Amino acid sequence: MALEIKAIPTLRGKEAERFVKEADKAYQNKGKTDFSKQVKIACAILKKANML
């Protein structure tokens, strides 16, 4: 039995403007995440497993 393909909703008006504004803000902030804490944890795990 086949499933019906549902239509993809389209943003219009203020919702579309808000979406674009939030997407632009997220794009500008990409790459600024600090992963140093996670890297330290991963290194400790690898050292404990004698893999580093």
N, C-alpha and C. Protein backbone atom coordinates (compact mmCIF):
# COMPACT_ATOMS: atom_id res chain seq x y z
N MET A 1 0.84 -1.18 0.00
CA MET A 1 0.00 0.00 0.00
C MET A 1 0.89 1.25 0.00
N ALA A 2 0.65 2.15 -0.89
CA ALA A 2 1.45 3.36 -1.03
C ALA A 2 0.98 4.44 -0.05
N LEU A 3 1.94 5.22 0.42
CA LEU A 3 1.61 6.34 1.30
C LEU A 3 1.49 7.61 0.48
N GLU A 4 0.58 8.44 0.87
CA GLU A 4 0.37 9.71 0.17
C GLU A 4 1.54 10.64 0.44
N ILE A 5 2.02 11.31 -0.58
CA ILE A 5 3.09 12.29 -0.43
C ILE A 5 2.43 13.61 -0.05
N LYS A 6 2.83 14.14 1.10
CA LYS A 6 2.22 15.37 1.59
C LYS A 6 2.96 16.58 1.02
N ALA A 7 2.24 17.65 0.85
CA ALA A 7 2.82 18.89 0.33
C ALA A 7 3.74 19.51 1.38
N ILE A 8 4.80 20.14 0.90
CA ILE A 8 5.73 20.83 1.79
C ILE A 8 5.18 22.23 2.05
N PRO A 9 5.03 22.60 3.32
CA PRO A 9 4.48 23.93 3.62
C PRO A 9 5.44 25.04 3.17
N THR A 10 4.90 26.13 2.70
CA THR A 10 5.69 27.26 2.24
C THR A 10 5.50 28.41 3.21
N LEU A 11 6.62 29.00 3.63
CA LEU A 11 6.55 30.15 4.54
C LEU A 11 6.27 31.41 3.74
N ARG A 12 5.41 32.24 4.29
CA ARG A 12 5.06 33.49 3.63
C ARG A 12 4.99 34.60 4.67
N GLY A 13 5.18 35.81 4.21
CA GLY A 13 5.00 36.98 5.06
C GLY A 13 6.01 37.07 6.19
N LYS A 14 5.50 37.37 7.38
CA LYS A 14 6.37 37.58 8.54
C LYS A 14 7.11 36.31 8.94
N GLU A 15 6.47 35.16 8.77
CA GLU A 15 7.13 33.90 9.11
C GLU A 15 8.36 33.69 8.23
N ALA A 16 8.23 34.00 6.94
CA ALA A 16 9.35 33.84 6.01
C ALA A 16 10.47 34.82 6.36
N GLU A 17 10.11 36.05 6.67
CA GLU A 17 11.12 37.05 7.03
C GLU A 17 11.86 36.63 8.30
N ARG A 18 11.12 36.14 9.28
CA ARG A 18 11.75 35.71 10.53
C ARG A 18 12.68 34.53 10.29
N PHE A 19 12.24 33.59 9.44
CA PHE A 19 13.06 32.42 9.13
C PHE A 19 14.37 32.84 8.47
N VAL A 20 14.29 33.73 7.49
CA VAL A 20 15.49 34.18 6.78
C VAL A 20 16.42 34.92 7.74
N LYS A 21 15.85 35.75 8.61
CA LYS A 21 16.67 36.50 9.57
C LYS A 21 17.40 35.55 10.52
N GLU A 22 16.69 34.55 11.05
CA GLU A 22 17.31 33.57 11.94
C GLU A 22 18.35 32.73 11.21
N ALA A 23 18.08 32.37 9.96
CA ALA A 23 19.04 31.58 9.18
C ALA A 23 20.30 32.39 8.92
N ASP A 24 20.16 33.67 8.60
CA ASP A 24 21.33 34.52 8.38
C ASP A 24 22.15 34.67 9.66
N LYS A 25 21.46 34.82 10.79
CA LYS A 25 22.16 34.95 12.07
C LYS A 25 22.93 33.67 12.39
N ALA A 26 22.32 32.52 12.15
CA ALA A 26 22.99 31.24 12.40
C ALA A 26 24.18 31.07 11.47
N TYR A 27 24.05 31.51 10.22
CA TYR A 27 25.14 31.40 9.25
C TYR A 27 26.32 32.27 9.67
N GLN A 28 26.05 33.46 10.19
CA GLN A 28 27.12 34.36 10.62
C GLN A 28 27.85 33.82 11.84
N ASN A 29 27.17 33.05 12.69
CA ASN A 29 27.76 32.53 13.91
C ASN A 29 28.39 31.15 13.75
N LYS A 30 28.38 30.59 12.55
CA LYS A 30 28.93 29.25 12.35
C LYS A 30 30.43 29.26 12.59
N GLY A 31 30.93 28.17 13.09
CA GLY A 31 32.35 28.03 13.31
C GLY A 31 32.86 28.71 14.57
N LYS A 32 32.01 29.25 15.37
CA LYS A 32 32.44 29.94 16.58
C LYS A 32 32.18 29.11 17.83
N THR A 33 31.91 27.81 17.66
CA THR A 33 31.64 26.94 18.79
C THR A 33 32.95 26.45 19.38
N ASP A 34 33.09 26.51 20.69
CA ASP A 34 34.30 26.07 21.36
C ASP A 34 34.15 24.62 21.79
N PHE A 35 34.95 23.75 21.19
CA PHE A 35 34.90 22.33 21.50
C PHE A 35 36.10 21.89 22.35
N SER A 36 36.81 22.81 22.96
CA SER A 36 38.02 22.46 23.70
C SER A 36 37.72 21.51 24.86
N LYS A 37 36.59 21.68 25.54
CA LYS A 37 36.23 20.79 26.64
C LYS A 37 36.02 19.36 26.14
N GLN A 38 35.31 19.22 25.01
CA GLN A 38 35.06 17.91 24.44
C GLN A 38 36.35 17.27 23.94
N VAL A 39 37.27 18.08 23.41
CA VAL A 39 38.56 17.55 22.94
C VAL A 39 39.37 17.02 24.11
N LYS A 40 39.37 17.73 25.23
CA LYS A 40 40.08 17.26 26.42
C LYS A 40 39.52 15.92 26.91
N ILE A 41 38.21 15.80 26.92
CA ILE A 41 37.57 14.56 27.35
C ILE A 41 37.93 13.42 26.41
N ALA A 42 37.89 13.68 25.10
CA ALA A 42 38.23 12.65 24.12
C ALA A 42 39.68 12.23 24.25
N CYS A 43 40.58 13.18 24.47
CA CYS A 43 42.00 12.84 24.66
C CYS A 43 42.21 11.99 25.90
N ALA A 44 41.50 12.32 26.98
CA ALA A 44 41.62 11.53 28.20
C ALA A 44 41.15 10.10 27.97
N ILE A 45 40.07 9.94 27.24
CA ILE A 45 39.55 8.60 26.94
C ILE A 45 40.56 7.82 26.10
N LEU A 46 41.12 8.47 25.09
CA LEU A 46 42.10 7.80 24.22
C LEU A 46 43.37 7.44 24.98
N LYS A 47 43.83 8.32 25.87
CA LYS A 47 45.03 8.01 26.67
C LYS A 47 44.77 6.82 27.58
N LYS A 48 43.59 6.79 28.19
CA LYS A 48 43.24 5.69 29.09
C LYS A 48 43.19 4.37 28.33
N ALA A 49 42.79 4.40 27.07
CA ALA A 49 42.70 3.20 26.25
C ALA A 49 44.02 2.91 25.53
N ASN A 50 45.08 3.65 25.87
CA ASN A 50 46.40 3.52 25.24
C ASN A 50 46.32 3.65 23.72
N MET A 51 45.53 4.56 23.25
CA MET A 51 45.38 4.79 21.82
C MET A 51 45.96 6.14 21.40
N LEU A 52 46.57 6.83 22.34
CA LEU A 52 47.13 8.14 22.03
C LEU A 52 48.52 8.25 22.57
